[in-house]
C-alpha atoms as a PDB file:
ATOM      1  CA  MET A   1      28.989  -9.691  19.978  1.00  0.00           C
ATOM      2  CA  ALA A   2      25.550 -10.093  20.139  1.00  0.00           C
ATOM      3  CA  LYS A   3      23.630 -10.471  16.717  1.00  0.00           C
ATOM      4  CA  MET A   4      20.399  -8.907  16.333  1.00  0.00           C
ATOM      5  CA  GLN A   5      17.361 -10.609  15.619  1.00  0.00           C
ATOM      6  CA  THR A   6      14.355  -9.878  12.847  1.00  0.00           C
ATOM      7  CA  GLN A   7      11.892  -8.359  13.298  1.00  0.00           C
ATOM      8  CA  VAL A   8       9.311  -9.477  15.648  1.00  0.00           C
ATOM      9  CA  ALA A   9       5.565  -9.739  14.582  1.00  0.00           C
ATOM     10  CA  PRO A  10       2.617  -8.558  16.350  1.00  0.00           C
ATOM     11  CA  GLY A  11       1.359  -9.903  19.489  1.00  0.00           C
ATOM     12  CA  THR A  12       4.790 -11.478  20.252  1.00  0.00           C
ATOM     13  CA  GLN A  13       5.227 -11.469  24.071  1.00  0.00           C
ATOM     14  CA  ALA A  14       8.188 -11.265  26.468  1.00  0.00           C
ATOM     15  CA  ASP A  15       9.233 -11.075  30.083  1.00  0.00           C
ATOM     16  CA  TRP A  16      11.885  -8.919  31.049  1.00  0.00           C
ATOM     17  CA  ASN A  17      14.217  -7.196  33.801  1.00  0.00           C
ATOM     18  CA  GLY A  18      10.804  -7.683  35.831  1.00  0.00           C
ATOM     19  CA  THR A  19       8.067  -6.328  32.777  1.00  0.00           C
ATOM     20  CA  HIS A  20       6.019  -8.154  30.372  1.00  0.00           C
ATOM     21  CA  TYR A  21       5.716  -6.524  27.141  1.00  0.00           C
ATOM     22  CA  GLU A  22       3.678  -7.117  24.118  1.00  0.00           C
ATOM     23  CA  ALA A  23       4.345  -5.690  20.287  1.00  0.00           C
ATOM     24  CA  LEU A  24       1.515  -4.248  18.651  1.00  0.00           C
ATOM     25  CA  LEU A  25       2.866  -2.625  15.801  1.00  0.00           C
ATOM     26  CA  THR A  26       6.003  -3.331  13.822  1.00  0.00           C
ATOM     27  CA  PRO A  27       7.639  -1.174  11.398  1.00  0.00           C
ATOM     28  CA  ARG A  28       6.709  -3.383   8.853  1.00  0.00           C
ATOM     29  CA  GLU A  29       2.600  -2.477   9.139  1.00  0.00           C
ATOM     30  CA  THR A  30       3.473   0.848   9.032  1.00  0.00           C
ATOM     31  CA  GLY A  31       6.379   1.639   6.267  1.00  0.00           C
ATOM     32  CA  GLY A  32       9.045   1.323   9.178  1.00  0.00           C
ATOM     33  CA  LYS A  33       7.144   5.158  10.814  1.00  0.00           C
ATOM     34  CA  PHE A  34       5.948   3.864  14.039  1.00  0.00           C
ATOM     35  CA  GLY A  35       6.325   0.428  16.381  1.00  0.00           C
ATOM     36  CA  ALA A  36       4.131  -0.022  19.690  1.00  0.00           C
ATOM     37  CA  PHE A  37       4.213  -2.436  21.956  1.00  0.00           C
ATOM     38  CA  ALA A  38       2.228  -3.048  25.460  1.00  0.00           C
ATOM     39  CA  SER A  39       3.666  -2.900  29.020  1.00  0.00           C
ATOM     40  CA  ASP A  40       2.560  -4.143  32.081  1.00  0.00           C
ATOM     41  CA  ALA A  41       5.050  -4.678  35.383  1.00  0.00           C
ATOM     42  CA  GLY A  42       4.727  -4.051  39.034  1.00  0.00           C
ATOM     43  CA  PRO A  43       5.949  -1.324  42.069  1.00  0.00           C
ATOM     44  CA  GLY A  44       9.100  -0.589  41.699  1.00  0.00           C
ATOM     45  CA  ASP A  45       9.916  -2.230  38.112  1.00  0.00           C
ATOM     46  CA  GLY A  46      11.634   0.323  34.912  1.00  0.00           C
ATOM     47  CA  PRO A  47      14.185   0.331  32.918  1.00  0.00           C
ATOM     48  CA  PRO A  48      17.747   1.719  33.429  1.00  0.00           C
ATOM     49  CA  ARG A  49      18.220   5.806  32.133  1.00  0.00           C
ATOM     50  CA  HIS A  50      18.678   5.622  28.448  1.00  0.00           C
ATOM     51  CA  ARG A  51      18.008   7.709  25.169  1.00  0.00           C
ATOM     52  CA  HIS A  52      16.750   6.801  22.315  1.00  0.00           C
ATOM     53  CA  PRO A  53      19.112   9.074  18.920  1.00  0.00           C
ATOM     54  CA  LYS A  54      16.260   9.047  16.244  1.00  0.00           C
ATOM     55  CA  SER A  55      13.304   8.423  17.833  1.00  0.00           C
ATOM     56  CA  ASP A  56      10.630  10.319  19.547  1.00  0.00           C
ATOM     57  CA  GLU A  57       8.665   8.082  22.285  1.00  0.00           C
ATOM     58  CA  VAL A  58       5.170   8.468  23.378  1.00  0.00           C
ATOM     59  CA  PHE A  59       3.395   7.017  26.698  1.00  0.00           C
ATOM     60  CA  VAL A  60       0.271   6.475  26.920  1.00  0.00           C
ATOM     61  CA  ILE A  61      -0.913   5.172  30.884  1.00  0.00           C
ATOM     62  CA  LEU A  62      -3.709   2.569  31.083  1.00  0.00           C
ATOM     63  CA  GLN A  63      -3.629   1.614  34.350  1.00  0.00           C
ATOM     64  CA  GLY A  64      -1.786   2.444  37.609  1.00  0.00           C
ATOM     65  CA  ARG A  65       1.109   5.585  37.776  1.00  0.00           C
ATOM     66  CA  LEU A  66       4.251   5.753  36.684  1.00  0.00           C
ATOM     67  CA  ARG A  67       7.250   8.437  37.530  1.00  0.00           C
ATOM     68  CA  PHE A  68       8.704   9.764  34.969  1.00  0.00           C
ATOM     69  CA  TRP A  69      12.409  11.433  34.902  1.00  0.00           C
ATOM     70  CA  CYS A  70      13.619  13.142  32.023  1.00  0.00           C
ATOM     71  CA  ALA A  71      16.470  15.081  31.490  1.00  0.00           C
ATOM     72  CA  GLY A  72      16.566  15.963  35.038  1.00  0.00           C
ATOM     73  CA  GLU A  73      13.137  16.686  35.395  1.00  0.00           C
ATOM     74  CA  VAL A  74      11.087  14.414  37.548  1.00  0.00           C
ATOM     75  CA  SER A  75       6.747  13.858  36.843  1.00  0.00           C
ATOM     76  CA  GLU A  76       3.792  11.610  37.108  1.00  0.00           C
ATOM     77  CA  ARG A  77       1.257   9.823  34.818  1.00  0.00           C
ATOM     78  CA  ALA A  78      -1.327   8.249  36.059  1.00  0.00           C
ATOM     79  CA  ALA A  79      -4.208   6.313  34.341  1.00  0.00           C
ATOM     80  CA  GLY A  80      -5.756   8.337  30.987  1.00  0.00           C
ATOM     81  CA  GLU A  81      -2.054  10.575  30.740  1.00  0.00           C
ATOM     82  CA  VAL A  82       0.096  10.412  28.240  1.00  0.00           C
ATOM     83  CA  ILE A  83       3.724  11.583  28.573  1.00  0.00           C
ATOM     84  CA  TYR A  84       5.940  12.612  24.860  1.00  0.00           C
ATOM     85  CA  ILE A  85       9.710  12.340  25.203  1.00  0.00           C
ATOM     86  CA  PRO A  86      11.044  13.880  22.080  1.00  0.00           C
ATOM     87  CA  ALA A  87      14.195  11.879  20.137  1.00  0.00           C
ATOM     88  CA  GLY A  88      17.545  12.553  22.032  1.00  0.00           C
ATOM     89  CA  VAL A  89      15.720  13.115  25.372  1.00  0.00           C
ATOM     90  CA  GLU A  90      17.192  10.920  28.237  1.00  0.00           C
ATOM     91  CA  HIS A  91      14.893   9.306  30.652  1.00  0.00           C
ATOM     92  CA  THR A  92      13.986   6.487  32.885  1.00  0.00           C
ATOM     93  CA  PHE A  93      10.979   5.778  34.906  1.00  0.00           C
ATOM     94  CA  VAL A  94       9.517   3.630  37.071  1.00  0.00           C
ATOM     95  CA  VAL A  95       6.389   1.511  37.983  1.00  0.00           C
ATOM     96  CA  VAL A  96       4.818   3.406  41.306  1.00  0.00           C
ATOM     97  CA  ASP A  97       1.401   1.557  41.176  1.00  0.00           C
ATOM     98  CA  PRO A  98       0.674  -1.323  39.116  1.00  0.00           C
ATOM     99  CA  ALA A  99       0.783  -0.233  35.747  1.00  0.00           C
ATOM    100  CA  ARG A 100      -0.403  -1.007  32.539  1.00  0.00           C
ATOM    101  CA  TRP A 101       0.733   1.061  29.219  1.00  0.00           C
ATOM    102  CA  ILE A 102       1.601   1.464  25.463  1.00  0.00           C
ATOM    103  CA  ALA A 103       4.479   2.603  23.994  1.00  0.00           C
ATOM    104  CA  ILE A 104       4.813   4.250  20.420  1.00  0.00           C
ATOM    105  CA  LEU A 105       7.973   4.985  18.861  1.00  0.00           C
ATOM    106  CA  SER A 106       8.528   6.694  15.705  1.00  0.00           C
ATOM    107  CA  PRO A 107      10.006   5.483  13.894  1.00  0.00           C
ATOM    108  CA  GLY A 108       9.957   1.870  15.368  1.00  0.00           C
ATOM    109  CA  GLY A 109      11.868  -0.986  15.942  1.00  0.00           C
ATOM    110  CA  LEU A 110      12.405  -1.173  19.795  1.00  0.00           C
ATOM    111  CA  GLU A 111       9.711  -3.595  20.408  1.00  0.00           C
ATOM    112  CA  SER A 112      11.901  -6.270  19.193  1.00  0.00           C
ATOM    113  CA  PHE A 113      14.520  -5.172  21.649  1.00  0.00           C
ATOM    114  CA  PHE A 114      13.045  -6.761  24.640  1.00  0.00           C
ATOM    115  CA  PRO A 115      11.918 -10.347  23.208  1.00  0.00           C
ATOM    116  CA  THR A 116      15.505 -10.367  21.832  1.00  0.00           C
ATOM    117  CA  VAL A 117      17.382  -9.656  25.213  1.00  0.00           C
ATOM    118  CA  ALA A 118      14.291 -12.153  26.761  1.00  0.00           C
ATOM    119  CA  ALA A 119      15.073 -15.136  24.357  1.00  0.00           C
ATOM    120  CA  GLN A 120      19.113 -14.666  25.383  1.00  0.00           C
ATOM    121  CA  GLY A 121      18.142 -15.015  29.249  1.00  0.00           C
ATOM    122  CA  LEU A 122      19.836 -11.224  29.654  1.00  0.00           C
ATOM    123  CA  GLU A 123      19.479  -9.796  32.717  1.00  0.00           C
ATOM    124  CA  ILE A 124      20.547  -6.153  34.401  1.00  0.00           C
ATOM    125  CA  PRO A 125      23.015  -5.445  35.824  1.00  0.00           C
ATOM    126  CA  ARG A 126      24.704  -9.052  35.076  1.00  0.00           C
ATOM    127  CA  ASP A 127      24.816  -8.952  31.380  1.00  0.00           C
ATOM    128  CA  LEU A 128      24.858  -4.999  31.314  1.00  0.00           C
ATOM    129  CA  ALA A 129      27.591  -4.725  28.788  1.00  0.00           C
ATOM    130  CA  GLU A 130      25.462  -7.082  26.217  1.00  0.00           C
ATOM    131  CA  ILE A 131      22.426  -5.518  26.692  1.00  0.00           C
ATOM    132  CA  LYS A 132      23.840  -2.245  25.659  1.00  0.00           C
ATOM    133  CA  ALA A 133      25.541  -3.770  22.630  1.00  0.00           C
ATOM    134  CA  ILE A 134      21.918  -4.829  21.979  1.00  0.00           C
ATOM    135  CA  ALA A 135      20.547  -1.723  22.703  1.00  0.00           C
ATOM    136  CA  ALA A 136      22.176   0.161  19.992  1.00  0.00           C
ATOM    137  CA  GLN A 137      20.724  -1.983  17.558  1.00  0.00           C
ATOM    138  CA  PHE A 138      17.518  -0.613  18.349  1.00  0.00           C
ATOM    139  CA  ASP A 139      18.156   2.937  19.023  1.00  0.00           C
ATOM    140  CA  MET A 140      18.794   2.306  22.566  1.00  0.00           C
ATOM    141  CA  GLU A 141      21.910   3.870  24.252  1.00  0.00           C
ATOM    142  CA  ILE A 142      21.564   2.992  27.617  1.00  0.00           C
ATOM    143  CA  THR A 143      23.180   5.954  30.044  1.00  0.00           C
ATOM    144  CA  GLY A 144      22.629   5.079  33.580  1.00  0.00           C
ATOM    145  CA  PRO A 145      20.929   3.653  36.465  1.00  0.00           C
ATOM    146  CA  PRO A 146      17.350   2.764  37.013  1.00  0.00           C
ATOM    147  CA  LEU A 147      15.025   5.510  39.019  1.00  0.00           C
ATOM    148  CA  ALA A 148      14.171   3.960  42.549  1.00  0.00           C
ATOM    149  CA  LEU A 149      11.024   4.259  44.518  1.00  0.00           C
ATOM    150  CA  ALA A 150      11.909   5.788  47.774  1.00  0.00           C
ATOM    151  CA  GLY A 151      12.816   3.444  50.537  1.00  0.00           C
ATOM    152  CA  SER A 152      13.529   0.509  47.725  1.00  0.00           C
END
């Protein structure tokens, strides 16, 4: 079983699964209440379907456009828009146009997941079992495949 690494510091960056991540705020600075990270990625990139059993999540879209799937409902958000995903709600998204966004989770901790799996060289789908075990330590349950762009 993979060992969880310690909480990252703000400014920690990682490239993983087609996306660039930068930790902005960690539970250390917020008494455990929040975590935030900035991400950017190109069209077709996005995570597998998942949920955060204990964490609410807000996405703030800074550039581009993302297509979200939340509990069976599909919607799109573009620069200047936000989306709220309550704790426990299964969701995923795919980048439609090159995008940059900030994800804020309460409570925080997910911002340390990306540097952890990137540092171990783990890849989806090759290392999915190990990624799922690590994700569970960061309040993330991977539940299904990523969302694909039509024609990709």
